């Protein structure tokens, strides 16, 4: 590995390929990044993170409020 940088909106690891050209890959493809603790703990059993569930709950409340408003008209 040569270096790590944030490029194109993601962290990337730079290295020389077998032909001697410098290249890069997203750092999450390598062992340079620690595994996400949520993913490790859930062992793939949950499709949404806790924060995503909170956003979804707010969205569903807003939708329910709009439906209730239109049904009352």
Protein backbone atom coordinates (compact mmCIF):
# COMPACT_ATOMS: atom_id res chain seq x y z
CA UNK A 1 0.00 0.00 0.00
CA UNK A 2 1.26 3.46 -0.91
CA UNK A 3 -1.33 5.69 0.75
CA UNK A 4 -4.98 6.26 1.69
CA UNK A 5 -6.99 9.25 0.47
CA UNK A 6 -10.56 10.40 0.15
CA UNK A 7 -11.26 10.56 -3.58
CA UNK A 8 -14.54 10.69 -5.47
CA UNK A 9 -16.46 10.80 -2.19
CA UNK A 10 -14.99 7.65 -0.68
CA UNK A 11 -11.83 6.50 1.07
CA UNK A 12 -9.46 4.72 -1.31
CA UNK A 13 -6.25 2.72 -0.92
CA UNK A 14 -3.51 3.39 -3.49
CA UNK A 15 -0.94 0.79 -4.52
CA UNK A 16 1.18 -0.34 -7.46
CA UNK A 17 -0.38 -3.14 -9.50
CA UNK A 18 1.71 -6.02 -10.94
CA UNK A 19 2.44 -3.95 -14.08
CA UNK A 20 3.90 -1.16 -11.92
CA UNK A 21 1.02 1.30 -12.46
CA UNK A 22 -0.40 3.12 -9.44
CA UNK A 23 -4.02 2.17 -8.96
CA UNK A 24 -6.62 2.37 -6.21
CA UNK A 25 -9.59 0.51 -4.80
CA UNK A 26 -12.22 1.52 -2.23
CA UNK A 27 -10.72 1.01 1.22
CA UNK A 28 -13.72 -1.06 2.34
CA UNK A 29 -12.62 -3.71 -0.17
CA UNK A 30 -9.41 -4.16 1.85
CA UNK A 31 -8.39 -5.11 5.37
CA UNK A 32 -7.52 -1.43 6.02
CA UNK A 33 -11.03 -0.72 7.31
CA UNK A 34 -12.40 -2.30 10.46
CA UNK A 35 -15.67 -4.17 9.98
CA UNK A 36 -18.85 -2.23 10.76
CA UNK A 37 -19.81 -3.21 14.36
CA UNK A 38 -23.53 -3.20 13.49
CA UNK A 39 -23.01 -5.60 10.60
CA UNK A 40 -20.83 -7.87 12.72
CA UNK A 41 -23.32 -7.95 15.62
CA UNK A 42 -26.39 -8.48 13.42
CA UNK A 43 -24.63 -11.20 11.42
CA UNK A 44 -26.60 -10.15 8.33
CA UNK A 45 -29.99 -10.63 9.99
CA UNK A 46 -31.12 -6.99 9.77
CA UNK A 47 -31.59 -5.11 6.53
CA UNK A 48 -31.76 -1.61 8.13
CA UNK A 49 -29.49 0.20 10.57
CA UNK A 50 -31.00 1.73 13.71
CA UNK A 51 -30.75 5.25 12.26
CA UNK A 52 -32.53 4.11 9.08
CA UNK A 53 -35.38 2.68 11.16
CA UNK A 54 -35.78 6.07 12.90
CA UNK A 55 -35.97 7.88 9.56
CA UNK A 56 -38.47 5.35 8.27
CA UNK A 57 -40.64 5.75 11.42
CA UNK A 58 -40.73 9.55 10.94
CA UNK A 59 -41.65 9.12 7.29
CA UNK A 60 -44.46 6.69 8.11
CA UNK A 61 -45.82 9.09 10.77
CA UNK A 62 -45.84 11.93 8.22
CA UNK A 63 -47.61 9.74 5.66
CA UNK A 64 -50.17 8.63 8.26
CA UNK A 65 -50.79 12.27 9.20
CA UNK A 66 -51.40 13.20 5.54
CA UNK A 67 -53.76 10.26 5.04
CA UNK A 68 -55.71 11.18 8.19
CA UNK A 69 -55.93 14.79 6.99
CA UNK A 70 -57.32 13.81 3.55
CA UNK A 71 -59.79 11.30 5.02
CA UNK A 72 -61.17 14.02 7.32
CA UNK A 73 -62.05 16.31 4.41
